[in-house]
Amino acid sequence: PKYADRNGGYTRILKEGPRRGDAAPMVIL
């Protein structure tokens, strides 16, 4: 119901930086 009037685009990806250890790019979804 929160997204009833929205046609897609319900999520966002925010970049955090590389993971310590293997430098994999980490994000917040």
mmCIF file of all heavy atoms, coordinates in Angstrom:
data_MODEL
# 
_entry.id   MODEL 
# 
loop_
_atom_site.group_PDB 
_atom_site.id 
_atom_site.type_symbol 
_atom_site.label_atom_id 
_atom_site.label_alt_id 
_atom_site.label_comp_id 
_atom_site.label_asym_id 
_atom_site.label_entity_id 
_atom_site.label_seq_id 
_atom_site.pdbx_PDB_ins_code 
_atom_site.Cartn_x 
_atom_site.Cartn_y 
_atom_site.Cartn_z 
_atom_site.occupancy 
_atom_site.B_iso_or_equiv 
_atom_site.pdbx_formal_charge 
_atom_site.auth_seq_id 
_atom_site.auth_comp_id 
_atom_site.auth_asym_id 
_atom_site.auth_atom_id 
_atom_site.pdbx_PDB_model_num 
ATOM 1   N N   . PRO A 1 1  ? 0.803  -1.225  0.000   1.00 0.00 ? 1  PRO A N   1 
ATOM 2   C CA  . PRO A 1 1  ? 0.000  0.000   0.000   1.00 0.00 ? 1  PRO A CA  1 
ATOM 3   C C   . PRO A 1 1  ? 0.841  1.283   0.000   1.00 0.00 ? 1  PRO A C   1 
ATOM 4   O O   . PRO A 1 1  ? 0.419  2.305   -0.519  1.00 0.00 ? 1  PRO A O   1 
ATOM 5   C CB  . PRO A 1 1  ? -0.812 -0.100  1.293   1.00 0.00 ? 1  PRO A CB  1 
ATOM 6   C CG  . PRO A 1 1  ? -0.863 -1.544  1.598   1.00 0.00 ? 1  PRO A CG  1 
ATOM 7   C CD  . PRO A 1 1  ? 0.431  -2.110  1.101   1.00 0.00 ? 1  PRO A CD  1 
ATOM 8   N N   . LYS A 1 2  ? 2.048  1.186   0.561   1.00 0.00 ? 2  LYS A N   1 
ATOM 9   C CA  . LYS A 1 2  ? 2.935  2.356   0.591   1.00 0.00 ? 2  LYS A CA  1 
ATOM 10  C C   . LYS A 1 2  ? 3.361  2.775   -0.815  1.00 0.00 ? 2  LYS A C   1 
ATOM 11  O O   . LYS A 1 2  ? 3.582  3.952   -1.079  1.00 0.00 ? 2  LYS A O   1 
ATOM 12  C CB  . LYS A 1 2  ? 4.164  2.016   1.440   1.00 0.00 ? 2  LYS A CB  1 
ATOM 13  C CG  . LYS A 1 2  ? 5.047  3.178   1.769   1.00 0.00 ? 2  LYS A CG  1 
ATOM 14  C CD  . LYS A 1 2  ? 6.006  2.799   2.878   1.00 0.00 ? 2  LYS A CD  1 
ATOM 15  C CE  . LYS A 1 2  ? 7.338  2.444   2.315   1.00 0.00 ? 2  LYS A CE  1 
ATOM 16  N NZ  . LYS A 1 2  ? 8.381  2.257   3.327   1.00 0.00 ? 2  LYS A NZ  1 
ATOM 17  N N   . TYR A 1 3  ? 3.456  1.798   -1.729  1.00 0.00 ? 3  TYR A N   1 
ATOM 18  C CA  . TYR A 1 3  ? 3.901  2.071   -3.093  1.00 0.00 ? 3  TYR A CA  1 
ATOM 19  C C   . TYR A 1 3  ? 2.762  1.961   -4.108  1.00 0.00 ? 3  TYR A C   1 
ATOM 20  O O   . TYR A 1 3  ? 3.021  1.731   -5.289  1.00 0.00 ? 3  TYR A O   1 
ATOM 21  C CB  . TYR A 1 3  ? 5.026  1.107   -3.480  1.00 0.00 ? 3  TYR A CB  1 
ATOM 22  C CG  . TYR A 1 3  ? 6.243  1.242   -2.606  1.00 0.00 ? 3  TYR A CG  1 
ATOM 23  C CD1 . TYR A 1 3  ? 6.610  0.223   -1.743  1.00 0.00 ? 3  TYR A CD1 1 
ATOM 24  C CD2 . TYR A 1 3  ? 7.016  2.395   -2.633  1.00 0.00 ? 3  TYR A CD2 1 
ATOM 25  C CE1 . TYR A 1 3  ? 7.725  0.342   -0.935  1.00 0.00 ? 3  TYR A CE1 1 
ATOM 26  C CE2 . TYR A 1 3  ? 8.126  2.524   -1.829  1.00 0.00 ? 3  TYR A CE2 1 
ATOM 27  C CZ  . TYR A 1 3  ? 8.472  1.498   -0.984  1.00 0.00 ? 3  TYR A CZ  1 
ATOM 28  O OH  . TYR A 1 3  ? 9.575  1.623   -0.182  1.00 0.00 ? 3  TYR A OH  1 
ATOM 29  N N   . ALA A 1 4  ? 1.536  2.131   -3.666  1.00 0.00 ? 4  ALA A N   1 
ATOM 30  C CA  . ALA A 1 4  ? 0.376  1.943   -4.548  1.00 0.00 ? 4  ALA A CA  1 
ATOM 31  C C   . ALA A 1 4  ? 0.377  2.911   -5.728  1.00 0.00 ? 4  ALA A C   1 
ATOM 32  O O   . ALA A 1 4  ? -0.039 2.554   -6.829  1.00 0.00 ? 4  ALA A O   1 
ATOM 33  C CB  . ALA A 1 4  ? -0.912 2.098   -3.749  1.00 0.00 ? 4  ALA A CB  1 
ATOM 34  N N   . ASP A 1 5  ? 0.855  4.132   -5.536  1.00 0.00 ? 5  ASP A N   1 
ATOM 35  C CA  . ASP A 1 5  ? 0.824  5.135   -6.604  1.00 0.00 ? 5  ASP A CA  1 
ATOM 36  C C   . ASP A 1 5  ? 2.166  5.250   -7.341  1.00 0.00 ? 5  ASP A C   1 
ATOM 37  O O   . ASP A 1 5  ? 2.360  6.163   -8.129  1.00 0.00 ? 5  ASP A O   1 
ATOM 38  C CB  . ASP A 1 5  ? 0.446  6.496   -6.023  1.00 0.00 ? 5  ASP A CB  1 
ATOM 39  C CG  . ASP A 1 5  ? 1.409  6.953   -4.942  1.00 0.00 ? 5  ASP A CG  1 
ATOM 40  O OD1 . ASP A 1 5  ? 2.109  6.100   -4.380  1.00 0.00 ? 5  ASP A OD1 1 
ATOM 41  O OD2 . ASP A 1 5  ? 1.440  8.163   -4.659  1.00 0.00 ? 5  ASP A OD2 1 
ATOM 42  N N   . ARG A 1 6  ? 3.072  4.307   -7.108  1.00 0.00 ? 6  ARG A N   1 
ATOM 43  C CA  . ARG A 1 6  ? 4.406  4.367   -7.702  1.00 0.00 ? 6  ARG A CA  1 
ATOM 44  C C   . ARG A 1 6  ? 4.571  3.227   -8.701  1.00 0.00 ? 6  ARG A C   1 
ATOM 45  O O   . ARG A 1 6  ? 4.250  2.082   -8.391  1.00 0.00 ? 6  ARG A O   1 
ATOM 46  C CB  . ARG A 1 6  ? 5.443  4.248   -6.584  1.00 0.00 ? 6  ARG A CB  1 
ATOM 47  C CG  . ARG A 1 6  ? 6.839  4.550   -6.987  1.00 0.00 ? 6  ARG A CG  1 
ATOM 48  C CD  . ARG A 1 6  ? 7.741  4.475   -5.757  1.00 0.00 ? 6  ARG A CD  1 
ATOM 49  N NE  . ARG A 1 6  ? 9.085  4.826   -6.123  1.00 0.00 ? 6  ARG A NE  1 
ATOM 50  C CZ  . ARG A 1 6  ? 9.703  5.921   -5.736  1.00 0.00 ? 6  ARG A CZ  1 
ATOM 51  N NH1 . ARG A 1 6  ? 9.104  6.765   -4.939  1.00 0.00 ? 6  ARG A NH1 1 
ATOM 52  N NH2 . ARG A 1 6  ? 10.925 6.162   -6.116  1.00 0.00 ? 6  ARG A NH2 1 
ATOM 53  N N   . ASN A 1 7  ? 5.096  3.518   -9.878  1.00 0.00 ? 7  ASN A N   1 
ATOM 54  C CA  . ASN A 1 7  ? 5.266  2.513   -10.928 1.00 0.00 ? 7  ASN A CA  1 
ATOM 55  C C   . ASN A 1 7  ? 6.721  2.049   -11.000 1.00 0.00 ? 7  ASN A C   1 
ATOM 56  O O   . ASN A 1 7  ? 7.429  2.364   -11.935 1.00 0.00 ? 7  ASN A O   1 
ATOM 57  C CB  . ASN A 1 7  ? 4.838  3.070   -12.290 1.00 0.00 ? 7  ASN A CB  1 
ATOM 58  C CG  . ASN A 1 7  ? 3.375  3.382   -12.340 1.00 0.00 ? 7  ASN A CG  1 
ATOM 59  O OD1 . ASN A 1 7  ? 2.581  2.686   -11.727 1.00 0.00 ? 7  ASN A OD1 1 
ATOM 60  N ND2 . ASN A 1 7  ? 3.009  4.426   -13.047 1.00 0.00 ? 7  ASN A ND2 1 
ATOM 61  N N   . GLY A 1 8  ? 7.157  1.289   -10.018 1.00 0.00 ? 8  GLY A N   1 
ATOM 62  C CA  . GLY A 1 8  ? 8.525  0.789   -10.008 1.00 0.00 ? 8  GLY A CA  1 
ATOM 63  C C   . GLY A 1 8  ? 9.453  1.709   -9.248  1.00 0.00 ? 8  GLY A C   1 
ATOM 64  O O   . GLY A 1 8  ? 9.073  2.776   -8.773  1.00 0.00 ? 8  GLY A O   1 
ATOM 65  N N   . GLY A 1 9  ? 10.709 1.289   -9.125  1.00 0.00 ? 9  GLY A N   1 
ATOM 66  C CA  . GLY A 1 9  ? 11.704 2.088   -8.416  1.00 0.00 ? 9  GLY A CA  1 
ATOM 67  C C   . GLY A 1 9  ? 11.469 2.095   -6.926  1.00 0.00 ? 9  GLY A C   1 
ATOM 68  O O   . GLY A 1 9  ? 11.510 3.147   -6.288  1.00 0.00 ? 9  GLY A O   1 
ATOM 69  N N   . TYR A 1 10 ? 11.208 0.921   -6.340  1.00 0.00 ? 10 TYR A N   1 
ATOM 70  C CA  . TYR A 1 10 ? 10.907 0.842   -4.914  1.00 0.00 ? 10 TYR A CA  1 
ATOM 71  C C   . TYR A 1 10 ? 12.155 0.732   -4.056  1.00 0.00 ? 10 TYR A C   1 
ATOM 72  O O   . TYR A 1 10 ? 12.066 0.840   -2.837  1.00 0.00 ? 10 TYR A O   1 
ATOM 73  C CB  . TYR A 1 10 ? 10.026 -0.389  -4.632  1.00 0.00 ? 10 TYR A CB  1 
ATOM 74  C CG  . TYR A 1 10 ? 8.886  -0.577  -5.597  1.00 0.00 ? 10 TYR A CG  1 
ATOM 75  C CD1 . TYR A 1 10 ? 8.815  -1.704  -6.393  1.00 0.00 ? 10 TYR A CD1 1 
ATOM 76  C CD2 . TYR A 1 10 ? 7.879  0.370   -5.719  1.00 0.00 ? 10 TYR A CD2 1 
ATOM 77  C CE1 . TYR A 1 10 ? 7.771  -1.895  -7.273  1.00 0.00 ? 10 TYR A CE1 1 
ATOM 78  C CE2 . TYR A 1 10 ? 6.840  0.189   -6.603  1.00 0.00 ? 10 TYR A CE2 1 
ATOM 79  C CZ  . TYR A 1 10 ? 6.788  -0.940  -7.376  1.00 0.00 ? 10 TYR A CZ  1 
ATOM 80  O OH  . TYR A 1 10 ? 5.765  -1.129  -8.263  1.00 0.00 ? 10 TYR A OH  1 
ATOM 81  N N   . THR A 1 11 ? 13.309 0.472   -4.665  1.00 0.00 ? 11 THR A N   1 
ATOM 82  C CA  . THR A 1 11 ? 14.533 0.252   -3.904  1.00 0.00 ? 11 THR A CA  1 
ATOM 83  C C   . THR A 1 11 ? 15.635 1.193   -4.369  1.00 0.00 ? 11 THR A C   1 
ATOM 84  O O   . THR A 1 11 ? 15.569 1.745   -5.464  1.00 0.00 ? 11 THR A O   1 
ATOM 85  C CB  . THR A 1 11 ? 15.026 -1.201  -4.071  1.00 0.00 ? 11 THR A CB  1 
ATOM 86  O OG1 . THR A 1 11 ? 15.291 -1.434  -5.441  1.00 0.00 ? 11 THR A OG1 1 
ATOM 87  C CG2 . THR A 1 11 ? 13.999 -2.190  -3.571  1.00 0.00 ? 11 THR A CG2 1 
ATOM 88  N N   . ARG A 1 12 ? 16.638 1.353   -3.513  1.00 0.00 ? 12 ARG A N   1 
ATOM 89  C CA  . ARG A 1 12 ? 17.826 2.134   -3.889  1.00 0.00 ? 12 ARG A CA  1 
ATOM 90  C C   . ARG A 1 12 ? 19.057 1.413   -3.388  1.00 0.00 ? 12 ARG A C   1 
ATOM 91  O O   . ARG A 1 12 ? 19.024 0.703   -2.397  1.00 0.00 ? 12 ARG A O   1 
ATOM 92  C CB  . ARG A 1 12 ? 17.763 3.543   -3.342  1.00 0.00 ? 12 ARG A CB  1 
ATOM 93  C CG  . ARG A 1 12 ? 18.128 3.707   -1.910  1.00 0.00 ? 12 ARG A CG  1 
ATOM 94  C CD  . ARG A 1 12 ? 18.339 5.167   -1.513  1.00 0.00 ? 12 ARG A CD  1 
ATOM 95  N NE  . ARG A 1 12 ? 17.188 5.969   -1.752  1.00 0.00 ? 12 ARG A NE  1 
ATOM 96  C CZ  . ARG A 1 12 ? 16.416 6.485   -0.797  1.00 0.00 ? 12 ARG A CZ  1 
ATOM 97  N NH1 . ARG A 1 12 ? 16.700 6.283   0.471   1.00 0.00 ? 12 ARG A NH1 1 
ATOM 98  N NH2 . ARG A 1 12 ? 15.374 7.217   -1.107  1.00 0.00 ? 12 ARG A NH2 1 
ATOM 99  N N   . ILE A 1 13 ? 20.159 1.615   -4.101  1.00 0.00 ? 13 ILE A N   1 
ATOM 100 C CA  . ILE A 1 13 ? 21.448 1.029   -3.728  1.00 0.00 ? 13 ILE A CA  1 
ATOM 101 C C   . ILE A 1 13 ? 22.400 2.169   -3.386  1.00 0.00 ? 13 ILE A C   1 
ATOM 102 O O   . ILE A 1 13 ? 22.642 3.049   -4.212  1.00 0.00 ? 13 ILE A O   1 
ATOM 103 C CB  . ILE A 1 13 ? 22.015 0.173   -4.886  1.00 0.00 ? 13 ILE A CB  1 
ATOM 104 C CG1 . ILE A 1 13 ? 21.123 -1.037  -5.136  1.00 0.00 ? 13 ILE A CG1 1 
ATOM 105 C CG2 . ILE A 1 13 ? 23.433 -0.264  -4.572  1.00 0.00 ? 13 ILE A CG2 1 
ATOM 106 C CD1 . ILE A 1 13 ? 21.573 -1.909  -6.288  1.00 0.00 ? 13 ILE A CD1 1 
ATOM 107 N N   . LEU A 1 14 ? 22.915 2.157   -2.162  1.00 0.00 ? 14 LEU A N   1 
ATOM 108 C CA  . LEU A 1 14 ? 23.879 3.155   -1.701  1.00 0.00 ? 14 LEU A CA  1 
ATOM 109 C C   . LEU A 1 14 ? 25.232 2.475   -1.527  1.00 0.00 ? 14 LEU A C   1 
ATOM 110 O O   . LEU A 1 14 ? 25.343 1.481   -0.807  1.00 0.00 ? 14 LEU A O   1 
ATOM 111 C CB  . LEU A 1 14 ? 23.439 3.752   -0.365  1.00 0.00 ? 14 LEU A CB  1 
ATOM 112 C CG  . LEU A 1 14 ? 22.075 4.439   -0.352  1.00 0.00 ? 14 LEU A CG  1 
ATOM 113 C CD1 . LEU A 1 14 ? 21.680 4.807   1.066   1.00 0.00 ? 14 LEU A CD1 1 
ATOM 114 C CD2 . LEU A 1 14 ? 22.107 5.662   -1.231  1.00 0.00 ? 14 LEU A CD2 1 
ATOM 115 N N   . LYS A 1 15 ? 26.261 3.017   -2.161  1.00 0.00 ? 15 LYS A N   1 
ATOM 116 C CA  . LYS A 1 15 ? 27.585 2.404   -2.088  1.00 0.00 ? 15 LYS A CA  1 
ATOM 117 C C   . LYS A 1 15 ? 28.251 2.731   -0.758  1.00 0.00 ? 15 LYS A C   1 
ATOM 118 O O   . LYS A 1 15 ? 28.202 3.859   -0.287  1.00 0.00 ? 15 LYS A O   1 
ATOM 119 C CB  . LYS A 1 15 ? 28.448 2.879   -3.252  1.00 0.00 ? 15 LYS A CB  1 
ATOM 120 C CG  . LYS A 1 15 ? 27.880 2.443   -4.582  1.00 0.00 ? 15 LYS A CG  1 
ATOM 121 C CD  . LYS A 1 15 ? 28.832 2.676   -5.713  1.00 0.00 ? 15 LYS A CD  1 
ATOM 122 C CE  . LYS A 1 15 ? 28.177 2.157   -6.983  1.00 0.00 ? 15 LYS A CE  1 
ATOM 123 N NZ  . LYS A 1 15 ? 29.118 1.945   -8.045  1.00 0.00 ? 15 LYS A NZ  1 
ATOM 124 N N   . GLU A 1 16 ? 28.890 1.716   -0.169  1.00 0.00 ? 16 GLU A N   1 
ATOM 125 C CA  . GLU A 1 16 ? 29.584 1.875   1.111   1.00 0.00 ? 16 GLU A CA  1 
ATOM 126 C C   . GLU A 1 16 ? 31.087 1.959   0.965   1.00 0.00 ? 16 GLU A C   1 
ATOM 127 O O   . GLU A 1 16 ? 31.744 2.616   1.738   1.00 0.00 ? 16 GLU A O   1 
ATOM 128 C CB  . GLU A 1 16 ? 29.274 0.678   2.021   1.00 0.00 ? 16 GLU A CB  1 
ATOM 129 C CG  . GLU A 1 16 ? 27.984 0.758   2.752   1.00 0.00 ? 16 GLU A CG  1 
ATOM 130 C CD  . GLU A 1 16 ? 27.899 -0.319  3.811   1.00 0.00 ? 16 GLU A CD  1 
ATOM 131 O OE1 . GLU A 1 16 ? 28.271 -1.469  3.525   1.00 0.00 ? 16 GLU A OE1 1 
ATOM 132 O OE2 . GLU A 1 16 ? 27.482 0.009   4.915   1.00 0.00 ? 16 GLU A OE2 1 
ATOM 133 N N   . GLY A 1 17 ? 31.645 1.244   -0.004  1.00 0.00 ? 17 GLY A N   1 
ATOM 134 C CA  . GLY A 1 17 ? 33.093 1.183   -0.158  1.00 0.00 ? 17 GLY A CA  1 
ATOM 135 C C   . GLY A 1 17 ? 33.536 -0.261  -0.178  1.00 0.00 ? 17 GLY A C   1 
ATOM 136 O O   . GLY A 1 17 ? 32.737 -1.180  -0.069  1.00 0.00 ? 17 GLY A O   1 
ATOM 137 N N   . PRO A 1 18 ? 34.830 -0.482  -0.282  1.00 0.00 ? 18 PRO A N   1 
ATOM 138 C CA  . PRO A 1 18 ? 35.321 -1.858  -0.379  1.00 0.00 ? 18 PRO A CA  1 
ATOM 139 C C   . PRO A 1 18 ? 35.282 -2.593  0.969   1.00 0.00 ? 18 PRO A C   1 
ATOM 140 O O   . PRO A 1 18 ? 35.481 -1.991  2.021   1.00 0.00 ? 18 PRO A O   1 
ATOM 141 C CB  . PRO A 1 18 ? 36.757 -1.699  -0.857  1.00 0.00 ? 18 PRO A CB  1 
ATOM 142 C CG  . PRO A 1 18 ? 37.143 -0.330  -0.440  1.00 0.00 ? 18 PRO A CG  1 
ATOM 143 C CD  . PRO A 1 18 ? 35.890 0.498   -0.451  1.00 0.00 ? 18 PRO A CD  1 
ATOM 144 N N   . ARG A 1 19 ? 35.038 -3.902  0.893   1.00 0.00 ? 19 ARG A N   1 
ATOM 145 C CA  . ARG A 1 19 ? 35.037 -4.741  2.082   1.00 0.00 ? 19 ARG A CA  1 
ATOM 146 C C   . ARG A 1 19 ? 36.481 -5.005  2.489   1.00 0.00 ? 19 ARG A C   1 
ATOM 147 O O   . ARG A 1 19 ? 37.341 -5.252  1.650   1.00 0.00 ? 19 ARG A O   1 
ATOM 148 C CB  . ARG A 1 19 ? 34.319 -6.056  1.782   1.00 0.00 ? 19 ARG A CB  1 
ATOM 149 C CG  . ARG A 1 19 ? 34.322 -7.031  2.937   1.00 0.00 ? 19 ARG A CG  1 
ATOM 150 C CD  . ARG A 1 19 ? 33.355 -8.159  2.757   1.00 0.00 ? 19 ARG A CD  1 
ATOM 151 N NE  . ARG A 1 19 ? 33.567 -8.898  1.521   1.00 0.00 ? 19 ARG A NE  1 
ATOM 152 C CZ  . ARG A 1 19 ? 32.677 -9.739  1.012   1.00 0.00 ? 19 ARG A CZ  1 
ATOM 153 N NH1 . ARG A 1 19 ? 31.524 -9.932  1.617   1.00 0.00 ? 19 ARG A NH1 1 
ATOM 154 N NH2 . ARG A 1 19 ? 32.931 -10.380 -0.104  1.00 0.00 ? 19 ARG A NH2 1 
ATOM 155 N N   . ARG A 1 20 ? 36.726 -4.971  3.773   1.00 0.00 ? 20 ARG A N   1 
ATOM 156 C CA  . ARG A 1 20 ? 38.056 -5.259  4.286   1.00 0.00 ? 20 ARG A CA  1 
ATOM 157 C C   . ARG A 1 20 ? 38.332 -6.741  4.119   1.00 0.00 ? 20 ARG A C   1 
ATOM 158 O O   . ARG A 1 20 ? 37.532 -7.573  4.503   1.00 0.00 ? 20 ARG A O   1 
ATOM 159 C CB  . ARG A 1 20 ? 38.123 -4.872  5.753   1.00 0.00 ? 20 ARG A CB  1 
ATOM 160 C CG  . ARG A 1 20 ? 39.483 -4.950  6.317   1.00 0.00 ? 20 ARG A CG  1 
ATOM 161 C CD  . ARG A 1 20 ? 39.494 -4.439  7.722   1.00 0.00 ? 20 ARG A CD  1 
ATOM 162 N NE  . ARG A 1 20 ? 40.777 -4.793  8.320   1.00 0.00 ? 20 ARG A NE  1 
ATOM 163 C CZ  . ARG A 1 20 ? 41.177 -4.357  9.474   1.00 0.00 ? 20 ARG A CZ  1 
ATOM 164 N NH1 . ARG A 1 20 ? 40.408 -3.567  10.181  1.00 0.00 ? 20 ARG A NH1 1 
ATOM 165 N NH2 . ARG A 1 20 ? 42.351 -4.711  9.941   1.00 0.00 ? 20 ARG A NH2 1 
ATOM 166 N N   . GLY A 1 21 ? 39.451 -7.066  3.537   1.00 0.00 ? 21 GLY A N   1 
ATOM 167 C CA  . GLY A 1 21 ? 39.810 -8.463  3.342   1.00 0.00 ? 21 GLY A CA  1 
ATOM 168 C C   . GLY A 1 21 ? 39.944 -8.792  1.874   1.00 0.00 ? 21 GLY A C   1 
ATOM 169 O O   . GLY A 1 21 ? 41.013 -9.142  1.418   1.00 0.00 ? 21 GLY A O   1 
ATOM 170 N N   . ASP A 1 22 ? 38.857 -8.661  1.106   1.00 0.00 ? 22 ASP A N   1 
ATOM 171 C CA  . ASP A 1 22 ? 38.939 -8.983  -0.315  1.00 0.00 ? 22 ASP A CA  1 
ATOM 172 C C   . ASP A 1 22 ? 38.579 -7.799  -1.208  1.00 0.00 ? 22 ASP A C   1 
ATOM 173 O O   . ASP A 1 22 ? 38.559 -7.930  -2.420  1.00 0.00 ? 22 ASP A O   1 
ATOM 174 C CB  . ASP A 1 22 ? 38.051 -10.182 -0.648  1.00 0.00 ? 22 ASP A CB  1 
ATOM 175 C CG  . ASP A 1 22 ? 36.582 -9.911  -0.423  1.00 0.00 ? 22 ASP A CG  1 
ATOM 176 O OD1 . ASP A 1 22 ? 36.240 -8.869  0.146   1.00 0.00 ? 22 ASP A OD1 1 
ATOM 177 O OD2 . ASP A 1 22 ? 35.764 -10.771 -0.824  1.00 0.00 ? 22 ASP A OD2 1 
ATOM 178 N N   . ALA A 1 23 ? 38.290 -6.655  -0.619  1.00 0.00 ? 23 ALA A N   1 
ATOM 179 C CA  . ALA A 1 23 ? 38.006 -5.413  -1.347  1.00 0.00 ? 23 ALA A CA  1 
ATOM 180 C C   . ALA A 1 23 ? 36.806 -5.533  -2.277  1.00 0.00 ? 23 ALA A C   1 
ATOM 181 O O   . ALA A 1 23 ? 36.733 -4.862  -3.296  1.00 0.00 ? 23 ALA A O   1 
ATOM 182 C CB  . ALA A 1 23 ? 39.232 -4.931  -2.116  1.00 0.00 ? 23 ALA A CB  1 
ATOM 183 N N   . ALA A 1 24 ? 35.840 -6.387  -1.929  1.00 0.00 ? 24 ALA A N   1 
ATOM 184 C CA  . ALA A 1 24 ? 34.610 -6.475  -2.718  1.00 0.00 ? 24 ALA A CA  1 
ATOM 185 C C   . ALA A 1 24 ? 33.781 -5.221  -2.473  1.00 0.00 ? 24 ALA A C   1 
ATOM 186 O O   . ALA A 1 24 ? 33.684 -4.747  -1.339  1.00 0.00 ? 24 ALA A O   1 
ATOM 187 C CB  . ALA A 1 24 ? 33.812 -7.706  -2.310  1.00 0.00 ? 24 ALA A CB  1 
ATOM 188 N N   . PRO A 1 25 ? 33.193 -4.645  -3.522  1.00 0.00 ? 25 PRO A N   1 
ATOM 189 C CA  . PRO A 1 25 ? 32.393 -3.420  -3.335  1.00 0.00 ? 25 PRO A CA  1 
ATOM 190 C C   . PRO A 1 25 ? 31.126 -3.710  -2.544  1.00 0.00 ? 25 PRO A C   1 
ATOM 191 O O   . PRO A 1 25 ? 30.294 -4.513  -2.949  1.00 0.00 ? 25 PRO A O   1 
ATOM 192 C CB  . PRO A 1 25 ? 32.079 -2.982  -4.766  1.00 0.00 ? 25 PRO A CB  1 
ATOM 193 C CG  . PRO A 1 25 ? 32.272 -4.181  -5.603  1.00 0.00 ? 25 PRO A CG  1 
ATOM 194 C CD  . PRO A 1 25 ? 33.251 -5.059  -4.918  1.00 0.00 ? 25 PRO A CD  1 
ATOM 195 N N   . MET A 1 26 ? 30.972 -3.060  -1.395  1.00 0.00 ? 26 MET A N   1 
ATOM 196 C CA  . MET A 1 26 ? 29.825 -3.270  -0.518  1.00 0.00 ? 26 MET A CA  1 
ATOM 197 C C   . MET A 1 26 ? 28.819 -2.152  -0.710  1.00 0.00 ? 26 MET A C   1 
ATOM 198 O O   . MET A 1 26 ? 29.183 -1.005  -0.979  1.00 0.00 ? 26 MET A O   1 
ATOM 199 C CB  . MET A 1 26 ? 30.280 -3.324  0.946   1.00 0.00 ? 26 MET A CB  1 
ATOM 200 C CG  . MET A 1 26 ? 31.208 -4.470  1.251   1.00 0.00 ? 26 MET A CG  1 
ATOM 201 S SD  . MET A 1 26 ? 30.482 -6.078  0.974   1.00 0.00 ? 26 MET A SD  1 
ATOM 202 C CE  . MET A 1 26 ? 29.329 -6.136  2.327   1.00 0.00 ? 26 MET A CE  1 
ATOM 203 N N   . VAL A 1 27 ? 27.541 -2.500  -0.558  1.00 0.00 ? 27 VAL A N   1 
ATOM 204 C CA  . VAL A 1 27 ? 26.466 -1.533  -0.724  1.00 0.00 ? 27 VAL A CA  1 
ATOM 205 C C   . VAL A 1 27 ? 25.397 -1.774  0.347   1.00 0.00 ? 27 VAL A C   1 
ATOM 206 O O   . VAL A 1 27 ? 25.372 -2.802  1.008   1.00 0.00 ? 27 VAL A O   1 
ATOM 207 C CB  . VAL A 1 27 ? 25.810 -1.626  -2.122  1.00 0.00 ? 27 VAL A CB  1 
ATOM 208 C CG1 . VAL A 1 27 ? 26.795 -1.308  -3.215  1.00 0.00 ? 27 VAL A CG1 1 
ATOM 209 C CG2 . VAL A 1 27 ? 25.182 -2.987  -2.336  1.00 0.00 ? 27 VAL A CG2 1 
ATOM 210 N N   . ILE A 1 28 ? 24.514 -0.781  0.494   1.00 0.00 ? 28 ILE A N   1 
ATOM 211 C CA  . ILE A 1 28 ? 23.322 -0.915  1.312   1.00 0.00 ? 28 ILE A CA  1 
ATOM 212 C C   . ILE A 1 28 ? 22.134 -0.892  0.341   1.00 0.00 ? 28 ILE A C   1 
ATOM 213 O O   . ILE A 1 28 ? 21.980 0.051   -0.421  1.00 0.00 ? 28 ILE A O   1 
ATOM 214 C CB  . ILE A 1 28 ? 23.188 0.237   2.311   1.00 0.00 ? 28 ILE A CB  1 
ATOM 215 C CG1 . ILE A 1 28 ? 24.375 0.281   3.254   1.00 0.00 ? 28 ILE A CG1 1 
ATOM 216 C CG2 . ILE A 1 28 ? 21.875 0.115   3.099   1.00 0.00 ? 28 ILE A CG2 1 
ATOM 217 C CD1 . ILE A 1 28 ? 24.399 1.505   4.152   1.00 0.00 ? 28 ILE A CD1 1 
ATOM 218 N N   . LEU A 1 29 ? 21.334 -1.930  0.386   1.00 0.00 ? 29 LEU A N   1 
ATOM 219 C CA  . LEU A 1 29 ? 20.114 -1.996  -0.418  1.00 0.00 ? 29 LEU A CA  1 
ATOM 220 C C   . LEU A 1 29 ? 18.963 -1.679  0.525   1.00 0.00 ? 29 LEU A C   1 
ATOM 221 O O   . LEU A 1 29 ? 18.818 -2.306  1.568   1.00 0.00 ? 29 LEU A O   1 
ATOM 222 C CB  . LEU A 1 29 ? 19.956 -3.397  -1.007  1.00 0.00 ? 29 LEU A CB  1 
ATOM 223 C CG  . LEU A 1 29 ? 18.703 -3.665  -1.817  1.00 0.00 ? 29 LEU A CG  1 
ATOM 224 C CD1 . LEU A 1 29 ? 18.693 -2.830  -3.092  1.00 0.00 ? 29 LEU A CD1 1 
ATOM 225 C CD2 . LEU A 1 29 ? 18.612 -5.137  -2.168  1.00 0.00 ? 29 LEU A CD2 1 
# 
